[in-house]
């Protein structure tokens, strides 16, 4: 949450702990998201530096290019209007 006040960063970080180990790197034993019957989308924050791997790599796993939107990893919280606009453009 670069650019946000330290107090807000600490608050949000505290809400996300504890995190189960491996959820970003281990495969889940579920059908792929592409089996859900709809076209996948991937919205990536232009300043997202918090992912375990580059966001473009995650999108490539779905066989798509990410739709870039302003903000970082927590853009849904501090740039909701930009995320909403990106979602509406994809529909």
PDB file of N, CA and C in Angstrom:
ATOM      1  N   UNK A   1       0.832  -1.186   0.000  1.00  0.00           N
ATOM      2  CA  UNK A   1       0.000   0.000   0.000  1.00  0.00           C
ATOM      3  C   UNK A   1       0.869   1.239   0.000  1.00  0.00           C
ATOM      4  N   UNK A   2       1.855   1.223  -0.905  1.00  0.00           N
ATOM      5  CA  UNK A   2       2.728   2.391  -0.988  1.00  0.00           C
ATOM      6  C   UNK A   2       1.907   3.647  -1.199  1.00  0.00           C
ATOM      7  N   UNK A   3       2.338   4.710  -0.560  1.00  0.00           N
ATOM      8  CA  UNK A   3       1.661   5.987  -0.705  1.00  0.00           C
ATOM      9  C   UNK A   3       0.530   6.203   0.288  1.00  0.00           C
ATOM     10  N   UNK A   4       0.176   5.175   1.032  1.00  0.00           N
ATOM     11  CA  UNK A   4      -0.872   5.312   2.050  1.00  0.00           C
ATOM     12  C   UNK A   4      -0.207   5.566   3.403  1.00  0.00           C
ATOM     13  N   UNK A   5      -0.919   6.217   4.325  1.00  0.00           N
ATOM     14  CA  UNK A   5      -0.339   6.488   5.640  1.00  0.00           C
ATOM     15  C   UNK A   5       0.086   5.200   6.358  1.00  0.00           C
ATOM     16  N   UNK A   6       1.183   5.279   7.101  1.00  0.00           N
ATOM     17  CA  UNK A   6       1.715   4.111   7.812  1.00  0.00           C
ATOM     18  C   UNK A   6       0.671   3.487   8.730  1.00  0.00           C
ATOM     19  N   UNK A   7      -0.155   4.315   9.362  1.00  0.00           N
ATOM     20  CA  UNK A   7      -1.175   3.798  10.271  1.00  0.00           C
ATOM     21  C   UNK A   7      -2.177   2.920   9.510  1.00  0.00           C
ATOM     22  N   UNK A   8      -2.584   3.330   8.321  1.00  0.00           N
ATOM     23  CA  UNK A   8      -3.496   2.533   7.509  1.00  0.00           C
ATOM     24  C   UNK A   8      -2.811   1.249   7.041  1.00  0.00           C
ATOM     25  N   UNK A   9      -1.559   1.348   6.628  1.00  0.00           N
ATOM     26  CA  UNK A   9      -0.820   0.159   6.210  1.00  0.00           C
ATOM     27  C   UNK A   9      -0.734  -0.860   7.344  1.00  0.00           C
ATOM     28  N   UNK A  10      -0.406  -0.399   8.542  1.00  0.00           N
ATOM     29  CA  UNK A  10      -0.307  -1.297   9.699  1.00  0.00           C
ATOM     30  C   UNK A  10      -1.659  -1.937  10.018  1.00  0.00           C
ATOM     31  N   UNK A  11      -2.719  -1.166   9.935  1.00  0.00           N
ATOM     32  CA  UNK A  11      -4.055  -1.678  10.221  1.00  0.00           C
ATOM     33  C   UNK A  11      -4.435  -2.794   9.252  1.00  0.00           C
ATOM     34  N   UNK A  12      -4.287  -2.545   7.951  1.00  0.00           N
ATOM     35  CA  UNK A  12      -4.663  -3.546   6.936  1.00  0.00           C
ATOM     36  C   UNK A  12      -3.760  -4.769   7.051  1.00  0.00           C
ATOM     37  N   UNK A  13      -2.467  -4.568   7.241  1.00  0.00           N
ATOM     38  CA  UNK A  13      -1.545  -5.688   7.385  1.00  0.00           C
ATOM     39  C   UNK A  13      -1.947  -6.564   8.566  1.00  0.00           C
ATOM     40  N   UNK A  14      -2.352  -5.942   9.660  1.00  0.00           N
ATOM     41  CA  UNK A  14      -2.791  -6.698  10.832  1.00  0.00           C
ATOM     42  C   UNK A  14      -4.026  -7.539  10.571  1.00  0.00           C
ATOM     43  N   UNK A  15      -4.890  -7.085   9.675  1.00  0.00           N
ATOM     44  CA  UNK A  15      -6.095  -7.837   9.343  1.00  0.00           C
ATOM     45  C   UNK A  15      -5.808  -9.060   8.478  1.00  0.00           C
ATOM     46  N   UNK A  16      -4.671  -9.071   7.803  1.00  0.00           N
ATOM     47  CA  UNK A  16      -4.360 -10.168   6.889  1.00  0.00           C
ATOM     48  C   UNK A  16      -3.529 -11.273   7.536  1.00  0.00           C
ATOM     49  N   UNK A  17      -3.215 -11.158   8.796  1.00  0.00           N
ATOM     50  CA  UNK A  17      -2.417 -12.181   9.478  1.00  0.00           C
ATOM     51  C   UNK A  17      -3.283 -12.988  10.427  1.00  0.00           C
ATOM     52  N   UNK A  18      -3.003 -14.222  10.698  1.00  0.00           N
ATOM     53  CA  UNK A  18      -1.945 -15.014  10.080  1.00  0.00           C
ATOM     54  C   UNK A  18      -2.365 -15.529   8.702  1.00  0.00           C
ATOM     55  N   UNK A  19      -1.403 -15.763   7.869  1.00  0.00           N
ATOM     56  CA  UNK A  19      -1.662 -16.292   6.532  1.00  0.00           C
ATOM     57  C   UNK A  19      -1.220 -17.752   6.493  1.00  0.00           C
ATOM     58  N   UNK A  20      -2.029 -18.618   5.895  1.00  0.00           N
ATOM     59  CA  UNK A  20      -1.603 -20.018   5.790  1.00  0.00           C
ATOM     60  C   UNK A  20      -0.419 -20.134   4.818  1.00  0.00           C
ATOM     61  N   UNK A  21       0.537 -20.948   5.158  1.00  0.00           N
ATOM     62  CA  UNK A  21       1.730 -21.087   4.323  1.00  0.00           C
ATOM     63  C   UNK A  21       1.428 -21.761   2.992  1.00  0.00           C
ATOM     64  N   UNK A  22       2.088 -21.285   1.964  1.00  0.00           N
ATOM     65  CA  UNK A  22       2.034 -21.933   0.670  1.00  0.00           C
ATOM     66  C   UNK A  22       0.850 -21.600  -0.214  1.00  0.00           C
ATOM     67  N   UNK A  23      -0.084 -20.803   0.213  1.00  0.00           N
ATOM     68  CA  UNK A  23      -1.277 -20.589  -0.605  1.00  0.00           C
ATOM     69  C   UNK A  23      -0.996 -19.824  -1.891  1.00  0.00           C
ATOM     70  N   UNK A  24       0.129 -19.105  -1.932  1.00  0.00           N
ATOM     71  CA  UNK A  24       0.468 -18.381  -3.160  1.00  0.00           C
ATOM     72  C   UNK A  24       1.338 -19.206  -4.094  1.00  0.00           C
ATOM     73  N   UNK A  25       1.953 -20.251  -3.583  1.00  0.00           N
ATOM     74  CA  UNK A  25       2.908 -20.999  -4.399  1.00  0.00           C
ATOM     75  C   UNK A  25       2.496 -22.435  -4.658  1.00  0.00           C
ATOM     76  N   UNK A  26       1.677 -23.027  -3.807  1.00  0.00           N
ATOM     77  CA  UNK A  26       1.246 -24.411  -3.989  1.00  0.00           C
ATOM     78  C   UNK A  26      -0.043 -24.473  -4.792  1.00  0.00           C
ATOM     79  N   UNK A  27      -0.174 -25.520  -5.583  1.00  0.00           N
ATOM     80  CA  UNK A  27      -1.398 -25.714  -6.361  1.00  0.00           C
ATOM     81  C   UNK A  27      -2.524 -26.207  -5.451  1.00  0.00           C
ATOM     82  N   UNK A  28      -3.725 -25.744  -5.716  1.00  0.00           N
ATOM     83  CA  UNK A  28      -4.892 -26.218  -4.981  1.00  0.00           C
ATOM     84  C   UNK A  28      -5.447 -27.452  -5.672  1.00  0.00           C
ATOM     85  N   UNK A  29      -6.054 -28.327  -4.915  1.00  0.00           N
ATOM     86  CA  UNK A  29      -6.652 -29.533  -5.472  1.00  0.00           C
ATOM     87  C   UNK A  29      -8.109 -29.247  -5.846  1.00  0.00           C
ATOM     88  N   UNK A  30      -8.288 -28.371  -6.827  1.00  0.00           N
ATOM     89  CA  UNK A  30      -9.617 -27.987  -7.309  1.00  0.00           C
ATOM     90  C   UNK A  30      -9.559 -27.883  -8.835  1.00  0.00           C
ATOM     91  N   UNK A  31     -10.718 -27.920  -9.500  1.00  0.00           N
ATOM     92  CA  UNK A  31     -10.692 -27.733 -10.953  1.00  0.00           C
ATOM     93  C   UNK A  31     -10.140 -26.351 -11.301  1.00  0.00           C
ATOM     94  N   UNK A  32      -9.526 -26.215 -12.465  1.00  0.00           N
ATOM     95  CA  UNK A  32      -9.003 -24.895 -12.847  1.00  0.00           C
ATOM     96  C   UNK A  32     -10.123 -23.880 -13.003  1.00  0.00           C
ATOM     97  N   UNK A  33      -9.809 -22.623 -12.759  1.00  0.00           N
ATOM     98  CA  UNK A  33     -10.809 -21.561 -12.854  1.00  0.00           C
ATOM     99  C   UNK A  33     -11.405 -21.510 -14.254  1.00  0.00           C
ATOM    100  N   UNK A  34     -10.634 -21.919 -15.254  1.00  0.00           N
ATOM    101  CA  UNK A  34     -11.133 -21.904 -16.628  1.00  0.00           C
ATOM    102  C   UNK A  34     -12.233 -22.936 -16.851  1.00  0.00           C
ATOM    103  N   UNK A  35     -12.393 -23.893 -15.930  1.00  0.00           N
ATOM    104  CA  UNK A  35     -13.451 -24.893 -16.051  1.00  0.00           C
ATOM    105  C   UNK A  35     -14.797 -24.378 -15.535  1.00  0.00           C
ATOM    106  N   UNK A  36     -14.821 -23.156 -15.029  1.00  0.00           N
ATOM    107  CA  UNK A  36     -16.046 -22.602 -14.450  1.00  0.00           C
ATOM    108  C   UNK A  36     -17.054 -22.180 -15.512  1.00  0.00           C
ATOM    109  N   UNK A  37     -16.644 -22.134 -16.779  1.00  0.00           N
ATOM    110  CA  UNK A  37     -17.584 -21.817 -17.841  1.00  0.00           C
ATOM    111  C   UNK A  37     -17.677 -20.344 -18.208  1.00  0.00           C
ATOM    112  N   UNK A  38     -16.727 -19.540 -17.796  1.00  0.00           N
ATOM    113  CA  UNK A  38     -16.730 -18.130 -18.179  1.00  0.00           C
ATOM    114  C   UNK A  38     -15.307 -17.721 -18.541  1.00  0.00           C
ATOM    115  N   UNK A  39     -15.195 -16.654 -19.298  1.00  0.00           N
ATOM    116  CA  UNK A  39     -13.885 -16.155 -19.685  1.00  0.00           C
ATOM    117  C   UNK A  39     -13.210 -15.495 -18.490  1.00  0.00           C
ATOM    118  N   UNK A  40     -11.982 -15.890 -18.183  1.00  0.00           N
ATOM    119  CA  UNK A  40     -11.295 -15.275 -17.039  1.00  0.00           C
ATOM    120  C   UNK A  40     -10.748 -13.898 -17.396  1.00  0.00           C
ATOM    121  N   UNK A  41     -10.648 -13.049 -16.395  1.00  0.00           N
ATOM    122  CA  UNK A  41     -10.028 -11.739 -16.489  1.00  0.00           C
ATOM    123  C   UNK A  41      -8.977 -11.651 -15.394  1.00  0.00           C
ATOM    124  N   UNK A  42      -7.990 -10.819 -15.595  1.00  0.00           N
ATOM    125  CA  UNK A  42      -6.975 -10.608 -14.577  1.00  0.00           C
ATOM    126  C   UNK A  42      -6.665  -9.121 -14.552  1.00  0.00           C
ATOM    127  N   UNK A  43      -6.957  -8.484 -13.436  1.00  0.00           N
ATOM    128  CA  UNK A  43      -6.669  -7.064 -13.268  1.00  0.00           C
ATOM    129  C   UNK A  43      -5.412  -6.954 -12.415  1.00  0.00           C
ATOM    130  N   UNK A  44      -4.437  -6.221 -12.918  1.00  0.00           N
ATOM    131  CA  UNK A  44      -3.147  -6.086 -12.247  1.00  0.00           C
ATOM    132  C   UNK A  44      -2.870  -4.616 -11.968  1.00  0.00           C
ATOM    133  N   UNK A  45      -2.545  -4.308 -10.729  1.00  0.00           N
ATOM    134  CA  UNK A  45      -2.189  -2.941 -10.360  1.00  0.00           C
ATOM    135  C   UNK A  45      -0.848  -2.542 -10.957  1.00  0.00           C
ATOM    136  N   UNK A  46      -0.783  -1.361 -11.509  1.00  0.00           N
ATOM    137  CA  UNK A  46       0.457  -0.894 -12.138  1.00  0.00           C
ATOM    138  C   UNK A  46       1.610  -0.802 -11.151  1.00  0.00           C
ATOM    139  N   UNK A  47       1.313  -0.631  -9.877  1.00  0.00           N
ATOM    140  CA  UNK A  47       2.350  -0.510  -8.848  1.00  0.00           C
ATOM    141  C   UNK A  47       2.378  -1.714  -7.913  1.00  0.00           C
ATOM    142  N   UNK A  48       1.841  -2.851  -8.347  1.00  0.00           N
ATOM    143  CA  UNK A  48       1.778  -4.031  -7.485  1.00  0.00           C
ATOM    144  C   UNK A  48       3.149  -4.697  -7.413  1.00  0.00           C
ATOM    145  N   UNK A  49       3.764  -4.608  -6.251  1.00  0.00           N
ATOM    146  CA  UNK A  49       5.066  -5.238  -6.027  1.00  0.00           C
ATOM    147  C   UNK A  49       4.971  -6.286  -4.921  1.00  0.00           C
ATOM    148  N   UNK A  50       3.770  -6.711  -4.574  1.00  0.00           N
ATOM    149  CA  UNK A  50       3.573  -7.607  -3.438  1.00  0.00           C
ATOM    150  C   UNK A  50       3.287  -9.049  -3.810  1.00  0.00           C
ATOM    151  N   UNK A  51       3.185  -9.348  -5.089  1.00  0.00           N
ATOM    152  CA  UNK A  51       2.859 -10.714  -5.491  1.00  0.00           C
ATOM    153  C   UNK A  51       4.078 -11.625  -5.368  1.00  0.00           C
ATOM    154  N   UNK A  52       3.830 -12.914  -5.164  1.00  0.00           N
ATOM    155  CA  UNK A  52       4.909 -13.882  -5.056  1.00  0.00           C
ATOM    156  C   UNK A  52       5.653 -14.050  -6.375  1.00  0.00           C
ATOM    157  N   UNK A  53       4.969 -13.853  -7.481  1.00  0.00           N
ATOM    158  CA  UNK A  53       5.520 -13.902  -8.830  1.00  0.00           C
ATOM    159  C   UNK A  53       4.965 -12.693  -9.570  1.00  0.00           C
ATOM    160  N   UNK A  54       5.544 -12.298 -10.696  1.00  0.00           N
ATOM    161  CA  UNK A  54       4.978 -11.172 -11.446  1.00  0.00           C
ATOM    162  C   UNK A  54       3.527 -11.446 -11.852  1.00  0.00           C
ATOM    163  N   UNK A  55       2.693 -10.430 -11.749  1.00  0.00           N
ATOM    164  CA  UNK A  55       1.281 -10.571 -12.105  1.00  0.00           C
ATOM    165  C   UNK A  55       1.083 -11.028 -13.537  1.00  0.00           C
ATOM    166  N   UNK A  56       1.977 -10.623 -14.412  1.00  0.00           N
ATOM    167  CA  UNK A  56       1.866 -11.057 -15.810  1.00  0.00           C
ATOM    168  C   UNK A  56       2.008 -12.570 -15.925  1.00  0.00           C
ATOM    169  N   UNK A  57       2.797 -13.162 -15.034  1.00  0.00           N
ATOM    170  CA  UNK A  57       2.957 -14.622 -15.028  1.00  0.00           C
ATOM    171  C   UNK A  57       1.666 -15.308 -14.592  1.00  0.00           C
ATOM    172  N   UNK A  58       1.008 -14.770 -13.579  1.00  0.00           N
ATOM    173  CA  UNK A  58      -0.267 -15.349 -13.140  1.00  0.00           C
ATOM    174  C   UNK A  58      -1.308 -15.265 -14.255  1.00  0.00           C
ATOM    175  N   UNK A  59      -1.368 -14.130 -14.936  1.00  0.00           N
ATOM    176  CA  UNK A  59      -2.311 -13.978 -16.045  1.00  0.00           C
ATOM    177  C   UNK A  59      -1.978 -14.949 -17.168  1.00  0.00           C
ATOM    178  N   UNK A  60      -0.690 -15.137 -17.434  1.00  0.00           N
ATOM    179  CA  UNK A  60      -0.274 -16.050 -18.502  1.00  0.00           C
ATOM    180  C   UNK A  60      -0.704 -17.481 -18.206  1.00  0.00           C
ATOM    181  N   UNK A  61      -0.789 -17.847 -16.942  1.00  0.00           N
ATOM    182  CA  UNK A  61      -1.273 -19.188 -16.582  1.00  0.00           C
ATOM    183  C   UNK A  61      -2.705 -19.399 -17.052  1.00  0.00           C
ATOM    184  N   UNK A  62      -3.443 -18.302 -17.185  1.00  0.00           N
ATOM    185  CA  UNK A  62      -4.820 -18.367 -17.685  1.00  0.00           C
ATOM    186  C   UNK A  62      -4.872 -18.178 -19.192  1.00  0.00           C
ATOM    187  N   UNK A  63      -3.727 -17.905 -19.781  1.00  0.00           N
ATOM    188  CA  UNK A  63      -3.662 -17.682 -21.218  1.00  0.00           C
ATOM    189  C   UNK A  63      -4.170 -16.322 -21.649  1.00  0.00           C
ATOM    190  N   UNK A  64      -4.051 -15.333 -20.753  1.00  0.00           N
ATOM    191  CA  UNK A  64      -4.567 -13.992 -21.053  1.00  0.00           C
ATOM    192  C   UNK A  64      -3.532 -12.932 -20.686  1.00  0.00           C
ATOM    193  N   UNK A  65      -3.755 -11.742 -21.191  1.00  0.00           N
ATOM    194  CA  UNK A  65      -2.973 -10.571 -20.802  1.00  0.00           C
ATOM    195  C   UNK A  65      -3.714  -9.871 -19.667  1.00  0.00           C
ATOM    196  N   UNK A  66      -2.995  -9.363 -18.665  1.00  0.00           N
ATOM    197  CA  UNK A  66      -3.693  -8.656 -17.588  1.00  0.00           C
ATOM    198  C   UNK A  66      -4.205  -7.301 -18.044  1.00  0.00           C
ATOM    199  N   UNK A  67      -5.278  -6.870 -17.461  1.00  0.00           N
ATOM    200  CA  UNK A  67      -5.801  -5.508 -17.653  1.00  0.00           C
ATOM    201  C   UNK A  67      -5.166  -4.676 -16.559  1.00  0.00           C
ATOM    202  N   UNK A  68      -4.405  -3.666 -16.934  1.00  0.00           N
ATOM    203  CA  UNK A  68      -3.702  -2.837 -15.962  1.00  0.00           C
ATOM    204  C   UNK A  68      -4.648  -1.783 -15.389  1.00  0.00           C
ATOM    205  N   UNK A  69      -4.504  -1.544 -14.083  1.00  0.00           N
ATOM    206  CA  UNK A  69      -5.301  -0.534 -13.388  1.00  0.00           C
ATOM    207  C   UNK A  69      -4.379   0.208 -12.421  1.00  0.00           C
ATOM    208  N   UNK A  70      -4.638   1.476 -12.168  1.00  0.00           N
ATOM    209  CA  UNK A  70      -3.800   2.232 -11.232  1.00  0.00           C
ATOM    210  C   UNK A  70      -3.821   1.616  -9.841  1.00  0.00           C
ATOM    211  N   UNK A  71      -2.694   1.692  -9.162  1.00  0.00           N
ATOM    212  CA  UNK A  71      -2.637   1.251  -7.778  1.00  0.00           C
ATOM    213  C   UNK A  71      -1.743   0.048  -7.576  1.00  0.00           C
ATOM    214  N   UNK A  72      -1.641  -0.344  -6.329  1.00  0.00           N
ATOM    215  CA  UNK A  72      -0.808  -1.471  -5.945  1.00  0.00           C
ATOM    216  C   UNK A  72      -1.633  -2.693  -5.612  1.00  0.00           C
ATOM    217  N   UNK A  73      -1.073  -3.520  -4.746  1.00  0.00           N
ATOM    218  CA  UNK A  73      -1.698  -4.787  -4.401  1.00  0.00           C
ATOM    219  C   UNK A  73      -3.047  -4.615  -3.693  1.00  0.00           C
ATOM    220  N   UNK A  74      -3.199  -3.555  -2.971  1.00  0.00           N
ATOM    221  CA  UNK A  74      -4.438  -3.314  -2.222  1.00  0.00           C
ATOM    222  C   UNK A  74      -5.329  -2.293  -2.926  1.00  0.00           C
ATOM    223  N   UNK A  75      -5.238  -2.221  -4.236  1.00  0.00           N
ATOM    224  CA  UNK A  75      -5.986  -1.215  -4.993  1.00  0.00           C
ATOM    225  C   UNK A  75      -7.491  -1.328  -4.786  1.00  0.00           C
ATOM    226  N   UNK A  76      -7.975  -2.520  -4.501  1.00  0.00           N
ATOM    227  CA  UNK A  76      -9.409  -2.658  -4.255  1.00  0.00           C
ATOM    228  C   UNK A  76      -9.837  -1.835  -3.041  1.00  0.00           C
ATOM    229  N   UNK A  77      -8.918  -1.636  -2.109  1.00  0.00           N
ATOM    230  CA  UNK A  77      -9.224  -0.830  -0.920  1.00  0.00           C
ATOM    231  C   UNK A  77      -8.954   0.656  -1.118  1.00  0.00           C
ATOM    232  N   UNK A  78      -7.829   0.997  -1.787  1.00  0.00           N
ATOM    233  CA  UNK A  78      -7.495   2.416  -1.873  1.00  0.00           C
ATOM    234  C   UNK A  78      -7.679   3.030  -3.261  1.00  0.00           C
ATOM    235  N   UNK A  79      -8.112   2.233  -4.240  1.00  0.00           N
ATOM    236  CA  UNK A  79      -8.454   2.737  -5.580  1.00  0.00           C
ATOM    237  C   UNK A  79      -9.699   2.009  -6.109  1.00  0.00           C
ATOM    238  N   UNK A  80     -10.753   1.910  -5.307  1.00  0.00           N
ATOM    239  CA  UNK A  80     -11.902   1.101  -5.736  1.00  0.00           C
ATOM    240  C   UNK A  80     -12.542   1.596  -7.022  1.00  0.00           C
ATOM    241  N   UNK A  81     -12.518   2.906  -7.260  1.00  0.00           N
ATOM    242  CA  UNK A  81     -13.144   3.424  -8.474  1.00  0.00           C
ATOM    243  C   UNK A  81     -12.373   2.988  -9.717  1.00  0.00           C
ATOM    244  N   UNK A  82     -11.057   2.864  -9.613  1.00  0.00           N
ATOM    245  CA  UNK A  82     -10.251   2.406 -10.750  1.00  0.00           C
ATOM    246  C   UNK A  82     -10.467   0.917 -11.021  1.00  0.00           C
ATOM    247  N   UNK A  83     -10.590   0.138  -9.975  1.00  0.00           N
ATOM    248  CA  UNK A  83     -10.848  -1.294 -10.130  1.00  0.00           C
ATOM    249  C   UNK A  83     -12.235  -1.511 -10.721  1.00  0.00           C
ATOM    250  N   UNK A  84     -13.214  -0.748 -10.241  1.00  0.00           N
ATOM    251  CA  UNK A  84     -14.575  -0.851 -10.799  1.00  0.00           C
ATOM    252  C   UNK A  84     -14.586  -0.496 -12.269  1.00  0.00           C
ATOM    253  N   UNK A  85     -13.860   0.556 -12.645  1.00  0.00           N
ATOM    254  CA  UNK A  85     -13.795   0.950 -14.050  1.00  0.00           C
ATOM    255  C   UNK A  85     -13.155  -0.146 -14.897  1.00  0.00           C
ATOM    256  N   UNK A  86     -12.098  -0.759 -14.396  1.00  0.00           N
ATOM    257  CA  UNK A  86     -11.430  -1.843 -15.124  1.00  0.00           C
ATOM    258  C   UNK A  86     -12.371  -3.027 -15.308  1.00  0.00           C
ATOM    259  N   UNK A  87     -13.107  -3.368 -14.260  1.00  0.00           N
ATOM    260  CA  UNK A  87     -14.076  -4.472 -14.358  1.00  0.00           C
ATOM    261  C   UNK A  87     -15.158  -4.167 -15.386  1.00  0.00           C
ATOM    262  N   UNK A  88     -15.672  -2.948 -15.363  1.00  0.00           N
ATOM    263  CA  UNK A  88     -16.720  -2.581 -16.313  1.00  0.00           C
ATOM    264  C   UNK A  88     -16.211  -2.601 -17.745  1.00  0.00           C
ATOM    265  N   UNK A  89     -14.957  -2.211 -17.961  1.00  0.00           N
ATOM    266  CA  UNK A  89     -14.385  -2.255 -19.305  1.00  0.00           C
ATOM    267  C   UNK A  89     -14.247  -3.688 -19.810  1.00  0.00           C
ATOM    268  N   UNK A  90     -14.017  -4.618 -18.905  1.00  0.00           N
ATOM    269  CA  UNK A  90     -13.829  -6.015 -19.294  1.00  0.00           C
ATOM    270  C   UNK A  90     -15.147  -6.725 -19.602  1.00  0.00           C
ATOM    271  N   UNK A  91     -16.237  -6.167 -19.132  1.00  0.00           N
ATOM    272  CA  UNK A  91     -17.541  -6.805 -19.364  1.00  0.00           C
ATOM    273  C   UNK A  91     -18.084  -6.468 -20.680  1.00  0.00           C
TER     274      UNK A  91
END
